[in-house]
Protein backbone atom coordinates (compact mmCIF):
# COMPACT_ATOMS: atom_id res chain seq x y z
CA MET A 1 -6.58 15.71 -3.21
CA SER A 2 -5.82 15.30 0.48
CA SER A 3 -2.84 13.35 1.73
CA LEU A 4 -3.21 9.66 2.56
CA ILE A 5 -0.29 9.98 4.94
CA THR A 6 -1.05 11.81 8.18
CA ASP A 7 2.20 10.73 9.89
CA THR A 8 5.24 11.01 7.62
CA THR A 9 7.46 9.17 10.09
CA ILE A 10 9.30 6.26 8.50
CA TYR A 11 9.53 3.46 11.05
CA THR A 12 12.05 0.61 11.01
CA THR A 13 10.29 -1.47 13.64
CA ARG A 14 6.97 -3.20 13.98
CA PRO A 15 4.05 -1.09 15.21
CA THR A 16 3.66 -0.74 18.97
CA ASP A 17 -0.11 -0.32 18.76
CA PRO A 18 -2.25 -3.46 18.37
CA ARG A 19 -2.72 -4.62 14.77
CA ILE A 20 -4.82 -7.34 13.20
CA PRO A 21 -3.34 -10.87 13.46
CA LYS A 22 -2.42 -11.24 9.78
CA GLU A 23 -0.43 -7.99 9.90
CA GLU A 24 1.28 -9.06 13.14
CA ARG A 25 2.29 -12.33 11.43
CA VAL A 26 4.11 -10.33 8.72
CA TYR A 27 6.23 -8.56 11.35
CA ASP A 28 6.84 -11.88 13.13
CA LEU A 29 8.07 -13.36 9.84
CA LEU A 30 10.36 -10.43 9.05
CA GLU A 31 11.83 -10.42 12.55
CA SER A 32 12.37 -14.20 12.56
CA LEU A 33 14.33 -13.91 9.29
CA GLY A 34 16.27 -10.82 10.30
CA VAL A 35 14.83 -8.88 7.36
CA ALA A 36 15.21 -5.11 7.71
CA PHE A 37 12.28 -3.00 6.58
CA SER A 38 10.98 0.54 6.57
CA ARG A 39 7.31 1.16 7.27
CA VAL A 40 4.87 4.00 6.80
CA ASP A 41 1.28 4.01 8.03
CA HIS A 42 -1.44 5.72 6.02
CA GLU A 43 -5.11 5.81 5.18
CA ALA A 44 -6.44 2.77 3.33
CA VAL A 45 -5.27 2.73 -0.27
CA ASP A 46 -6.45 0.14 -2.77
CA THR A 47 -5.06 1.27 -6.11
CA ILE A 48 -1.56 1.64 -7.50
CA GLU A 49 -2.38 5.28 -8.32
CA GLY A 50 -3.12 5.88 -4.65
CA CYS A 51 0.34 4.59 -3.74
CA ARG A 52 2.29 7.37 -5.48
CA GLU A 53 2.63 9.46 -2.31
CA ILE A 54 3.76 6.38 -0.37
CA GLU A 55 6.31 5.53 -3.06
CA GLU A 56 7.76 9.01 -2.87
CA LEU A 57 8.03 8.97 0.93
CA LEU A 58 9.68 5.51 1.06
CA GLY A 59 11.80 6.08 -2.07
CA ILE A 60 10.54 2.94 -3.78
CA HIS A 61 8.10 1.57 -6.29
CA ILE A 62 5.06 -0.18 -4.92
CA CYS A 63 4.39 -3.40 -6.78
CA LYS A 64 1.09 -4.03 -8.46
CA ASN A 65 -0.23 -7.33 -7.10
CA LEU A 66 -2.94 -9.17 -8.98
CA PHE A 67 -4.80 -12.28 -7.87
CA LEU A 68 -5.74 -14.32 -10.94
CA ALA A 69 -7.44 -17.61 -11.78
CA ASN A 70 -7.54 -19.80 -14.85
CA SER A 71 -10.81 -20.37 -16.71
CA LYS A 72 -11.62 -23.57 -14.79
CA ARG A 73 -11.00 -21.78 -11.48
CA ASP A 74 -8.79 -24.64 -10.36
CA ARG A 75 -5.43 -22.79 -10.59
CA TYR A 76 -4.68 -19.51 -8.84
CA TYR A 77 -1.85 -17.05 -9.35
CA MET A 78 -0.45 -13.97 -7.69
CA LEU A 79 1.26 -11.73 -10.20
CA ILE A 80 3.69 -9.07 -8.98
CA LEU A 81 4.63 -6.46 -11.56
CA PRO A 82 5.69 -2.81 -11.79
CA GLY A 83 2.77 -0.47 -11.22
CA GLU A 84 3.06 1.20 -14.61
CA LYS A 85 2.71 -2.04 -16.57
CA GLN A 86 -0.66 -3.11 -17.93
CA LEU A 87 -1.40 -6.81 -17.95
CA VAL A 88 -2.56 -8.52 -21.12
CA THR A 89 -3.95 -11.73 -19.65
CA ARG A 90 -3.80 -13.58 -22.98
CA GLU A 91 -0.03 -13.04 -23.20
CA LEU A 92 0.57 -14.06 -19.59
CA ALA A 93 -1.56 -17.19 -19.99
CA ARG A 94 0.51 -18.15 -23.03
CA GLN A 95 3.79 -17.66 -21.09
CA ILE A 96 2.74 -19.89 -18.21
CA GLY A 97 0.86 -22.48 -20.28
CA SER A 98 -2.52 -21.67 -18.76
CA THR A 99 -6.02 -21.40 -20.05
CA ARG A 100 -7.57 -17.92 -20.12
CA LEU A 101 -6.81 -15.87 -17.00
CA SER A 102 -9.10 -13.46 -15.20
CA PHE A 103 -9.28 -11.86 -11.79
CA ALA A 104 -10.13 -14.28 -9.03
CA GLY A 105 -12.89 -13.25 -6.68
CA PRO A 106 -12.66 -11.85 -3.17
CA ASP A 107 -14.04 -15.06 -1.62
CA LYS A 108 -11.18 -17.16 -3.02
CA MET A 109 -8.69 -14.42 -2.08
CA SER A 110 -9.92 -14.58 1.50
CA GLU A 111 -10.00 -18.38 1.57
CA LEU A 112 -6.52 -18.96 0.12
CA LEU A 113 -4.58 -15.87 1.22
CA ASP A 114 -6.55 -14.33 4.11
CA LEU A 115 -6.57 -11.07 2.14
CA THR A 116 -9.19 -8.58 1.02
CA PRO A 117 -9.32 -6.62 -2.24
CA GLY A 118 -6.87 -3.72 -2.17
CA SER A 119 -4.50 -5.48 0.23
CA VAL A 120 -3.10 -8.18 -2.07
CA SER A 121 0.58 -8.56 -1.30
CA VAL A 122 3.33 -11.14 -1.56
CA PHE A 123 3.02 -11.48 2.23
CA GLY A 124 -0.40 -13.07 1.75
CA LEU A 125 1.41 -16.14 0.45
CA MET A 126 2.50 -16.95 4.00
CA ASN A 127 -1.17 -17.79 4.61
CA ASP A 128 -1.21 -20.21 1.65
CA SER A 129 -0.04 -23.25 3.57
CA GLY A 130 -1.49 -25.58 0.95
CA ASN A 131 0.54 -23.92 -1.84
CA ASN A 132 -2.61 -23.38 -3.87
CA VAL A 133 -1.36 -20.10 -5.34
CA THR A 134 1.50 -19.90 -7.84
CA LEU A 135 3.67 -16.81 -7.56
CA LEU A 136 4.52 -14.99 -10.79
CA ILE A 137 7.04 -12.13 -10.70
CA ASP A 138 7.71 -9.82 -13.60
CA ARG A 139 11.41 -9.93 -14.53
CA ASP A 140 11.81 -6.15 -14.13
CA ILE A 141 11.10 -6.43 -10.37
CA LEU A 142 14.31 -8.44 -9.98
CA ASP A 143 16.32 -5.36 -11.04
CA TRP A 144 14.89 -3.23 -8.23
CA GLU A 145 16.98 -2.74 -5.11
CA TYR A 146 13.81 -2.53 -3.01
CA VAL A 147 10.19 -3.54 -3.35
CA GLY A 148 7.17 -2.13 -1.62
CA ALA A 149 4.29 -4.17 -0.30
CA HIS A 150 1.42 -4.00 2.14
CA PRO A 151 1.73 -6.18 5.27
CA CYS A 152 -1.56 -7.98 4.42
CA ILE A 153 -3.52 -4.79 5.11
CA ASN A 154 -3.65 -1.65 2.99
CA THR A 155 -3.16 0.85 5.83
CA SER A 156 0.62 0.34 5.99
CA SER A 157 3.34 -0.09 3.39
CA LEU A 158 6.74 -1.71 3.76
CA LYS A 159 10.03 -1.23 1.95
CA ILE A 160 12.18 -4.38 1.85
CA ALA A 161 15.24 -5.37 -0.12
CA THR A 162 14.33 -7.35 -3.23
CA ASN A 163 17.18 -9.72 -2.41
CA ASP A 164 15.59 -10.44 0.99
CA LEU A 165 12.25 -11.12 -0.68
CA ILE A 166 13.73 -13.59 -3.16
CA ASN A 167 16.33 -15.28 -0.96
CA LYS A 168 14.84 -15.20 2.54
CA ILE A 169 11.08 -14.59 2.56
CA LEU A 170 9.92 -16.69 -0.39
CA PRO A 171 11.91 -19.81 0.60
CA GLN A 172 10.59 -19.50 4.17
CA ILE A 173 6.96 -19.36 2.97
CA HIS A 174 7.57 -22.12 0.40
CA HIS A 175 6.71 -20.20 -2.76
CA GLU A 176 9.27 -20.32 -5.54
CA PRO A 177 8.43 -17.70 -8.15
CA ILE A 178 7.99 -18.20 -11.85
CA ILE A 179 9.62 -15.28 -13.65
CA VAL A 180 7.49 -13.78 -16.43
CA ASP A 181 7.82 -10.90 -18.86
CA VAL A 182 4.90 -8.48 -18.92
CA ALA A 183 5.22 -6.02 -21.79
CA PRO A 184 5.49 -2.31 -20.91
CA ALA A 185 2.33 -0.24 -21.34
CA GLU A 186 2.06 1.36 -24.75
């Protein structure tokens, strides 16, 4: 398997080359809040398995980010959990008092979060000005010193302090998380 990372430089600043607007907005947000980050650029990666090399380079765990909807398709959720955990939607629905959950489609993802499949990230919530998406974070994430996330595009990955995510970024983008417990994979 060839490497996804052609430049192993770890940057601590925004890119100097032009990026798409939604990625630029992530760097604007981080800079406005004084949030330090490390960044690595890489080939497009759209699975948690593909992120292993990125995790190793940045010294972090990349979060698995799932975009879900209830059975009526009138409630939407972003679930952030450790990559090794496997979601049992029935259990999560019970925890949050929802009807059956399933993956929401790419059209709704684009409409509500300005994201495409494979690039779902907590940073997409900054595009959810109507607060149509409820953020769910697995409790284990709160124990991590750092989290990894794409800056709304899956050709870069960022390392940020979990404390900055919870106490600076989420309040600024008006999304208070609901803490859930996803069982470890068996």
